[in-house]
Amino acid sequence: MKVYYVYILICSDGLTYTGFTNNISRRFEEHQNGKNKTCFTYKRRPLKLIFHQEFNDVHQAINFEKRIKKWSSKKKLALAKGEYDLLKILAECRNATHSHFKPKDEDVSS
């Protein structure tokens, strides 16, 4: 059975990088050794692998990677540390466009 990984690296400048691979040790080594000079991580070495999740289904892995790539660094770090309560708090939308902050029809005066 084929295994796929979604992983998060923390770079020397504190930024995070999220990726997908079928060989986590090889891929981390490629990042760490600077195999690809155009890669986001190339000028941000040394790197540290802070999280990886194993998947048996390639589509699930790709979907998970796409989802967490959009997350803030704080959310990614909370996931990596297993701080699930903090992750839940950070996941809550807090901007004024969220439906929670929009007036209900009965609250709107004519």
C-alpha atoms as a PDB file:
ATOM      1  CA  MET A   1       0.000   0.000   0.000  1.00  0.00           C
ATOM      2  CA  LYS A   2       1.287   3.444  -0.950  1.00  0.00           C
ATOM      3  CA  VAL A   3       1.719   6.019   1.834  1.00  0.00           C
ATOM      4  CA  TYR A   4       1.562   9.807   1.408  1.00  0.00           C
ATOM      5  CA  TYR A   5       2.550  12.558   3.807  1.00  0.00           C
ATOM      6  CA  VAL A   6       1.529  16.120   4.397  1.00  0.00           C
ATOM      7  CA  TYR A   7       4.219  17.953   6.303  1.00  0.00           C
ATOM      8  CA  ILE A   8       5.022  21.328   7.828  1.00  0.00           C
ATOM      9  CA  LEU A   9       8.515  22.751   8.066  1.00  0.00           C
ATOM     10  CA  ILE A  10       9.565  25.731  10.113  1.00  0.00           C
ATOM     11  CA  CYS A  11      12.228  27.818   8.438  1.00  0.00           C
ATOM     12  CA  SER A  12      15.154  29.643  10.034  1.00  0.00           C
ATOM     13  CA  ASP A  13      13.257  32.936   9.643  1.00  0.00           C
ATOM     14  CA  GLY A  14      10.196  31.572  11.478  1.00  0.00           C
ATOM     15  CA  LEU A  15       8.031  31.144   8.386  1.00  0.00           C
ATOM     16  CA  THR A  16       6.312  27.837   7.723  1.00  0.00           C
ATOM     17  CA  TYR A  17       6.220  25.686   4.611  1.00  0.00           C
ATOM     18  CA  THR A  18       3.588  23.043   3.919  1.00  0.00           C
ATOM     19  CA  GLY A  19       4.151  20.224   1.465  1.00  0.00           C
ATOM     20  CA  PHE A  20       3.081  16.816   0.231  1.00  0.00           C
ATOM     21  CA  THR A  21       5.239  13.788  -0.601  1.00  0.00           C
ATOM     22  CA  ASN A  22       5.338  10.008  -0.740  1.00  0.00           C
ATOM     23  CA  ASN A  23       8.776   9.875   0.925  1.00  0.00           C
ATOM     24  CA  ILE A  24       9.103  12.193   3.919  1.00  0.00           C
ATOM     25  CA  SER A  25      12.783  11.548   4.694  1.00  0.00           C
ATOM     26  CA  ARG A  26      13.903  12.048   1.085  1.00  0.00           C
ATOM     27  CA  ARG A  27      11.811  15.192   0.667  1.00  0.00           C
ATOM     28  CA  PHE A  28      13.042  16.738   3.914  1.00  0.00           C
ATOM     29  CA  GLU A  29      16.623  16.022   2.894  1.00  0.00           C
ATOM     30  CA  GLU A  30      15.989  17.727  -0.467  1.00  0.00           C
ATOM     31  CA  HIS A  31      14.688  20.821   1.318  1.00  0.00           C
ATOM     32  CA  GLN A  32      17.508  20.814   3.876  1.00  0.00           C
ATOM     33  CA  ASN A  33      20.240  20.377   1.256  1.00  0.00           C
ATOM     34  CA  GLY A  34      18.773  23.051  -1.025  1.00  0.00           C
ATOM     35  CA  LYS A  35      18.256  20.768  -4.022  1.00  0.00           C
ATOM     36  CA  ASN A  36      15.932  23.266  -5.737  1.00  0.00           C
ATOM     37  CA  LYS A  37      17.224  26.861  -5.741  1.00  0.00           C
ATOM     38  CA  THR A  38      13.773  28.222  -6.650  1.00  0.00           C
ATOM     39  CA  CYS A  39      12.032  26.527  -3.715  1.00  0.00           C
ATOM     40  CA  PHE A  40      10.532  28.717  -0.978  1.00  0.00           C
ATOM     41  CA  THR A  41      12.741  27.017   1.605  1.00  0.00           C
ATOM     42  CA  TYR A  42      16.062  27.386  -0.249  1.00  0.00           C
ATOM     43  CA  LYS A  43      17.126  30.698   1.347  1.00  0.00           C
ATOM     44  CA  ARG A  44      15.406  29.899   4.634  1.00  0.00           C
ATOM     45  CA  ARG A  45      17.566  26.966   5.745  1.00  0.00           C
ATOM     46  CA  PRO A  46      18.182  25.348   8.144  1.00  0.00           C
ATOM     47  CA  LEU A  47      14.740  23.839   8.417  1.00  0.00           C
ATOM     48  CA  LYS A  48      12.976  21.774  11.023  1.00  0.00           C
ATOM     49  CA  LEU A  49      10.243  19.225  10.369  1.00  0.00           C
ATOM     50  CA  ILE A  50       7.576  20.091  12.936  1.00  0.00           C
ATOM     51  CA  PHE A  51       4.605  18.062  11.697  1.00  0.00           C
ATOM     52  CA  HIS A  52       3.696  15.239   9.377  1.00  0.00           C
ATOM     53  CA  GLN A  53       0.492  13.314   8.849  1.00  0.00           C
ATOM     54  CA  GLU A  54       0.342   9.972   7.051  1.00  0.00           C
ATOM     55  CA  PHE A  55      -2.371   9.127   4.507  1.00  0.00           C
ATOM     56  CA  ASN A  56      -3.189   5.983   2.557  1.00  0.00           C
ATOM     57  CA  ASP A  57      -5.325   7.879   0.046  1.00  0.00           C
ATOM     58  CA  VAL A  58      -3.547  10.364  -2.239  1.00  0.00           C
ATOM     59  CA  HIS A  59      -6.696  12.481  -2.675  1.00  0.00           C
ATOM     60  CA  GLN A  60      -7.160  12.871   1.078  1.00  0.00           C
ATOM     61  CA  ALA A  61      -3.518  13.916   1.425  1.00  0.00           C
ATOM     62  CA  ILE A  62      -3.768  16.476  -1.375  1.00  0.00           C
ATOM     63  CA  ASN A  63      -7.000  17.920   0.035  1.00  0.00           C
ATOM     64  CA  PHE A  64      -5.499  18.191   3.532  1.00  0.00           C
ATOM     65  CA  GLU A  65      -2.387  19.898   2.169  1.00  0.00           C
ATOM     66  CA  LYS A  66      -4.482  22.415   0.205  1.00  0.00           C
ATOM     67  CA  ARG A  67      -6.549  23.175   3.305  1.00  0.00           C
ATOM     68  CA  ILE A  68      -3.677  23.765   5.724  1.00  0.00           C
ATOM     69  CA  LYS A  69      -1.603  25.725   3.180  1.00  0.00           C
ATOM     70  CA  LYS A  70      -4.228  28.456   3.596  1.00  0.00           C
ATOM     71  CA  TRP A  71      -3.895  28.481   7.394  1.00  0.00           C
ATOM     72  CA  SER A  72      -1.998  31.100   9.340  1.00  0.00           C
ATOM     73  CA  SER A  73       1.369  30.211  10.842  1.00  0.00           C
ATOM     74  CA  LYS A  74      -0.252  30.301  14.292  1.00  0.00           C
ATOM     75  CA  LYS A  75      -2.741  27.609  13.268  1.00  0.00           C
ATOM     76  CA  LYS A  76      -0.011  25.478  11.702  1.00  0.00           C
ATOM     77  CA  LEU A  77       2.136  25.746  14.838  1.00  0.00           C
ATOM     78  CA  ALA A  78      -0.842  24.850  17.053  1.00  0.00           C
ATOM     79  CA  LEU A  79      -1.461  21.758  14.905  1.00  0.00           C
ATOM     80  CA  ALA A  80       2.217  20.793  15.074  1.00  0.00           C
ATOM     81  CA  LYS A  81       2.248  21.144  18.867  1.00  0.00           C
ATOM     82  CA  GLY A  82      -0.996  19.212  19.294  1.00  0.00           C
ATOM     83  CA  GLU A  83      -2.677  22.248  20.838  1.00  0.00           C
ATOM     84  CA  TYR A  84      -6.131  21.393  19.562  1.00  0.00           C
ATOM     85  CA  ASP A  85      -8.021  23.778  21.869  1.00  0.00           C
ATOM     86  CA  LEU A  86      -5.922  26.676  20.571  1.00  0.00           C
ATOM     87  CA  LEU A  87      -6.377  25.436  17.007  1.00  0.00           C
ATOM     88  CA  LYS A  88     -10.149  25.537  17.466  1.00  0.00           C
ATOM     89  CA  ILE A  89      -9.992  29.109  18.795  1.00  0.00           C
ATOM     90  CA  LEU A  90      -7.743  30.214  15.929  1.00  0.00           C
ATOM     91  CA  ALA A  91     -10.093  28.581  13.432  1.00  0.00           C
ATOM     92  CA  GLU A  92     -13.021  30.744  14.488  1.00  0.00           C
ATOM     93  CA  CYS A  93     -13.672  33.551  12.062  1.00  0.00           C
ATOM     94  CA  ARG A  94     -13.395  36.904  13.792  1.00  0.00           C
ATOM     95  CA  ASN A  95     -13.879  39.423  11.006  1.00  0.00           C
ATOM     96  CA  ALA A  96     -16.894  41.668  10.534  1.00  0.00           C
ATOM     97  CA  THR A  97     -18.023  39.886   7.359  1.00  0.00           C
ATOM     98  CA  HIS A  98     -18.691  36.637   9.217  1.00  0.00           C
ATOM     99  CA  SER A  99     -22.373  35.688   9.395  1.00  0.00           C
ATOM    100  CA  HIS A 100     -22.164  35.788  13.206  1.00  0.00           C
ATOM    101  CA  PHE A 101     -21.734  39.571  13.025  1.00  0.00           C
ATOM    102  CA  LYS A 102     -24.372  40.273  10.352  1.00  0.00           C
ATOM    103  CA  PRO A 103     -27.739  41.569  11.571  1.00  0.00           C
ATOM    104  CA  LYS A 104     -30.680  39.216  11.334  1.00  0.00           C
ATOM    105  CA  ASP A 105     -33.668  40.257   9.230  1.00  0.00           C
ATOM    106  CA  GLU A 106     -35.763  41.030  12.313  1.00  0.00           C
ATOM    107  CA  ASP A 107     -32.965  43.251  13.667  1.00  0.00           C
ATOM    108  CA  VAL A 108     -32.924  45.474  10.570  1.00  0.00           C
ATOM    109  CA  SER A 109     -35.208  48.461  10.796  1.00  0.00           C
ATOM    110  CA  SER A 110     -37.077  49.634   7.683  1.00  0.00           C
END
